[in-house]
Amino acid sequence: MEVFKDLLDDVNREFLHADNRRLQERRVGAEISLRTRQHISSVTFGQNCIIIMKKSAEEVCKYNDRVYRFKSNL
């Protein structure tokens, strides 16, 4: 459960400050590979279940490792 909760932050890693991104990589990277994490679109929690949605091919090309344009707001 804790790994999947950490995965929530990882899905939105582009909005993390560089220091927090490195910490996030250490926490989640030990459990789930970067390649796998780059293909996760969303994580949803329900009663007795966790739903992980895979990115479409368009999402993978468009959103992986893009630079957040409002860095000053991080």
N, C-alpha and C. Protein backbone atom coordinates (compact mmCIF):
# COMPACT_ATOMS: atom_id res chain seq x y z
N MET A 1 0.83 -1.19 0.00
CA MET A 1 0.00 0.00 0.00
C MET A 1 0.87 1.25 0.00
N GLU A 2 1.94 1.25 0.80
CA GLU A 2 2.81 2.43 0.90
C GLU A 2 3.50 2.71 -0.44
N VAL A 3 3.88 1.66 -1.14
CA VAL A 3 4.53 1.84 -2.45
C VAL A 3 3.57 2.55 -3.40
N PHE A 4 2.33 2.16 -3.41
CA PHE A 4 1.36 2.77 -4.30
C PHE A 4 1.03 4.20 -3.90
N LYS A 5 1.06 4.49 -2.61
CA LYS A 5 0.86 5.87 -2.17
C LYS A 5 2.02 6.74 -2.64
N ASP A 6 3.23 6.21 -2.55
CA ASP A 6 4.40 6.95 -3.07
C ASP A 6 4.32 7.09 -4.58
N LEU A 7 3.73 6.11 -5.23
CA LEU A 7 3.59 6.15 -6.68
C LEU A 7 2.72 7.33 -7.13
N LEU A 8 1.79 7.75 -6.29
CA LEU A 8 0.96 8.92 -6.62
C LEU A 8 1.82 10.15 -6.87
N ASP A 9 2.80 10.39 -6.01
CA ASP A 9 3.70 11.52 -6.22
C ASP A 9 4.53 11.32 -7.48
N ASP A 10 4.90 10.09 -7.74
CA ASP A 10 5.74 9.80 -8.90
C ASP A 10 5.01 10.08 -10.21
N VAL A 11 3.72 9.83 -10.25
CA VAL A 11 2.94 10.10 -11.46
C VAL A 11 3.02 11.59 -11.81
N ASN A 12 3.15 12.42 -10.79
CA ASN A 12 3.24 13.88 -10.99
C ASN A 12 4.65 14.41 -10.71
N ARG A 13 5.66 13.60 -10.96
CA ARG A 13 7.03 13.96 -10.61
C ARG A 13 7.52 15.22 -11.31
N GLU A 14 6.95 15.56 -12.45
CA GLU A 14 7.40 16.77 -13.15
C GLU A 14 7.14 18.03 -12.32
N PHE A 15 6.25 17.96 -11.36
CA PHE A 15 5.94 19.11 -10.53
C PHE A 15 6.75 19.15 -9.24
N LEU A 16 7.61 18.16 -9.03
CA LEU A 16 8.44 18.11 -7.83
C LEU A 16 9.72 18.91 -8.03
N HIS A 17 10.17 19.56 -6.97
CA HIS A 17 11.46 20.24 -6.98
C HIS A 17 12.53 19.16 -7.16
N ALA A 18 13.67 19.52 -7.73
CA ALA A 18 14.74 18.55 -8.04
C ALA A 18 15.14 17.71 -6.82
N ASP A 19 15.26 18.34 -5.64
CA ASP A 19 15.63 17.60 -4.44
C ASP A 19 14.57 16.56 -4.08
N ASN A 20 13.32 16.96 -4.17
CA ASN A 20 12.22 16.03 -3.86
C ASN A 20 12.12 14.94 -4.92
N ARG A 21 12.45 15.26 -6.15
CA ARG A 21 12.42 14.27 -7.23
C ARG A 21 13.46 13.18 -6.97
N ARG A 22 14.64 13.55 -6.49
CA ARG A 22 15.67 12.56 -6.16
C ARG A 22 15.22 11.68 -5.00
N LEU A 23 14.62 12.27 -3.99
CA LEU A 23 14.10 11.50 -2.86
C LEU A 23 13.01 10.54 -3.33
N GLN A 24 12.14 11.03 -4.18
CA GLN A 24 11.07 10.21 -4.73
C GLN A 24 11.65 9.03 -5.52
N GLU A 25 12.67 9.29 -6.29
CA GLU A 25 13.31 8.23 -7.08
C GLU A 25 13.87 7.13 -6.16
N ARG A 26 14.45 7.52 -5.05
CA ARG A 26 14.99 6.53 -4.11
C ARG A 26 13.88 5.69 -3.49
N ARG A 27 12.77 6.35 -3.12
CA ARG A 27 11.68 5.62 -2.46
C ARG A 27 10.98 4.66 -3.41
N VAL A 28 10.57 5.16 -4.56
CA VAL A 28 9.77 4.34 -5.47
C VAL A 28 10.65 3.52 -6.41
N GLY A 29 11.79 4.09 -6.80
CA GLY A 29 12.67 3.41 -7.75
C GLY A 29 13.16 2.07 -7.27
N ALA A 30 13.27 1.90 -5.98
CA ALA A 30 13.71 0.61 -5.44
C ALA A 30 12.65 -0.48 -5.64
N GLU A 31 11.41 -0.08 -5.78
CA GLU A 31 10.30 -1.04 -5.91
C GLU A 31 9.79 -1.20 -7.34
N ILE A 32 9.76 -0.09 -8.09
CA ILE A 32 9.17 -0.09 -9.43
C ILE A 32 10.14 0.60 -10.38
N SER A 33 10.47 -0.05 -11.49
CA SER A 33 11.46 0.51 -12.42
C SER A 33 10.96 1.80 -13.06
N LEU A 34 11.90 2.63 -13.49
CA LEU A 34 11.55 3.89 -14.15
C LEU A 34 10.75 3.62 -15.42
N ARG A 35 11.14 2.62 -16.16
CA ARG A 35 10.43 2.29 -17.40
C ARG A 35 8.95 1.99 -17.13
N THR A 36 8.69 1.23 -16.09
CA THR A 36 7.31 0.92 -15.72
C THR A 36 6.58 2.18 -15.28
N ARG A 37 7.23 2.98 -14.42
CA ARG A 37 6.60 4.20 -13.91
C ARG A 37 6.30 5.19 -15.02
N GLN A 38 7.10 5.22 -16.06
CA GLN A 38 6.86 6.15 -17.17
C GLN A 38 5.62 5.79 -17.97
N HIS A 39 5.10 4.59 -17.79
CA HIS A 39 3.91 4.15 -18.52
C HIS A 39 2.64 4.18 -17.66
N ILE A 40 2.72 4.73 -16.46
CA ILE A 40 1.55 4.81 -15.58
C ILE A 40 0.89 6.18 -15.74
N SER A 41 -0.36 6.18 -16.10
CA SER A 41 -1.12 7.41 -16.30
C SER A 41 -1.77 7.88 -14.99
N SER A 42 -2.34 6.94 -14.24
CA SER A 42 -3.00 7.32 -13.00
C SER A 42 -3.07 6.14 -12.03
N VAL A 43 -3.23 6.47 -10.76
CA VAL A 43 -3.41 5.48 -9.72
C VAL A 43 -4.65 5.90 -8.94
N THR A 44 -5.59 4.99 -8.80
CA THR A 44 -6.84 5.27 -8.10
C THR A 44 -7.05 4.22 -7.01
N PHE A 45 -7.45 4.69 -5.85
CA PHE A 45 -7.71 3.79 -4.73
C PHE A 45 -9.20 3.66 -4.52
N GLY A 46 -9.66 2.45 -4.35
CA GLY A 46 -11.05 2.19 -4.03
C GLY A 46 -11.09 1.22 -2.86
N GLN A 47 -12.29 0.87 -2.44
CA GLN A 47 -12.40 -0.07 -1.33
C GLN A 47 -11.87 -1.43 -1.79
N ASN A 48 -10.83 -1.89 -1.12
CA ASN A 48 -10.21 -3.18 -1.39
C ASN A 48 -9.60 -3.31 -2.79
N CYS A 49 -9.23 -2.19 -3.41
CA CYS A 49 -8.58 -2.29 -4.71
C CYS A 49 -7.74 -1.05 -5.03
N ILE A 50 -6.77 -1.25 -5.89
CA ILE A 50 -5.95 -0.17 -6.43
C ILE A 50 -6.01 -0.33 -7.95
N ILE A 51 -6.38 0.73 -8.64
CA ILE A 51 -6.51 0.69 -10.09
C ILE A 51 -5.36 1.50 -10.69
N ILE A 52 -4.57 0.87 -11.55
CA ILE A 52 -3.45 1.53 -12.21
C ILE A 52 -3.77 1.60 -13.69
N MET A 53 -3.81 2.81 -14.22
CA MET A 53 -4.12 3.02 -15.64
C MET A 53 -2.83 3.22 -16.42
N LYS A 54 -2.69 2.53 -17.52
CA LYS A 54 -1.52 2.64 -18.37
C LYS A 54 -1.71 3.81 -19.34
N LYS A 55 -0.63 4.53 -19.61
CA LYS A 55 -0.68 5.65 -20.55
C LYS A 55 -0.92 5.13 -21.96
N SER A 56 -1.60 5.93 -22.75
CA SER A 56 -1.74 5.63 -24.17
C SER A 56 -0.41 5.96 -24.84
N ALA A 57 -0.23 5.52 -26.07
CA ALA A 57 1.01 5.82 -26.80
C ALA A 57 1.20 7.32 -26.94
N GLU A 58 0.11 8.04 -27.12
CA GLU A 58 0.18 9.51 -27.24
C GLU A 58 0.67 10.14 -25.94
N GLU A 59 0.15 9.67 -24.82
CA GLU A 59 0.58 10.20 -23.52
C GLU A 59 2.06 9.94 -23.27
N VAL A 60 2.54 8.77 -23.64
CA VAL A 60 3.95 8.43 -23.44
C VAL A 60 4.83 9.40 -24.21
N CYS A 61 4.51 9.64 -25.46
CA CYS A 61 5.31 10.53 -26.30
C CYS A 61 5.20 11.98 -25.84
N LYS A 62 4.04 12.39 -25.44
CA LYS A 62 3.79 13.80 -25.14
C LYS A 62 4.22 14.21 -23.74
N TYR A 63 4.07 13.34 -22.75
CA TYR A 63 4.23 13.77 -21.37
C TYR A 63 5.46 13.25 -20.63
N ASN A 64 6.12 12.22 -21.12
CA ASN A 64 7.28 11.69 -20.38
C ASN A 64 8.43 12.69 -20.40
N ASP A 65 8.91 13.01 -19.22
CA ASP A 65 10.09 13.87 -19.03
C ASP A 65 9.97 15.25 -19.65
N ARG A 66 8.77 15.78 -19.71
CA ARG A 66 8.65 17.16 -20.17
C ARG A 66 9.08 18.10 -19.04
N VAL A 67 9.44 19.28 -19.39
CA VAL A 67 9.89 20.27 -18.41
C VAL A 67 8.69 21.12 -17.99
N TYR A 68 8.50 21.24 -16.69
CA TYR A 68 7.40 22.05 -16.17
C TYR A 68 7.68 23.51 -16.46
N ARG A 69 6.76 24.19 -17.09
CA ARG A 69 7.01 25.56 -17.55
C ARG A 69 6.90 26.61 -16.47
N PHE A 70 6.35 26.28 -15.31
CA PHE A 70 6.23 27.24 -14.23
C PHE A 70 7.14 26.84 -13.06
N LYS A 71 8.42 26.57 -13.36
CA LYS A 71 9.37 26.12 -12.34
C LYS A 71 9.44 27.06 -11.14
N SER A 72 9.25 28.33 -11.39
CA SER A 72 9.35 29.29 -10.28
C SER A 72 8.28 29.07 -9.23
N ASN A 73 7.22 28.35 -9.55
CA ASN A 73 6.13 28.11 -8.61
C ASN A 73 6.34 26.84 -7.78
N LEU A 74 7.39 26.08 -8.05
CA LEU A 74 7.62 24.85 -7.31
C LEU A 74 8.10 25.13 -5.91
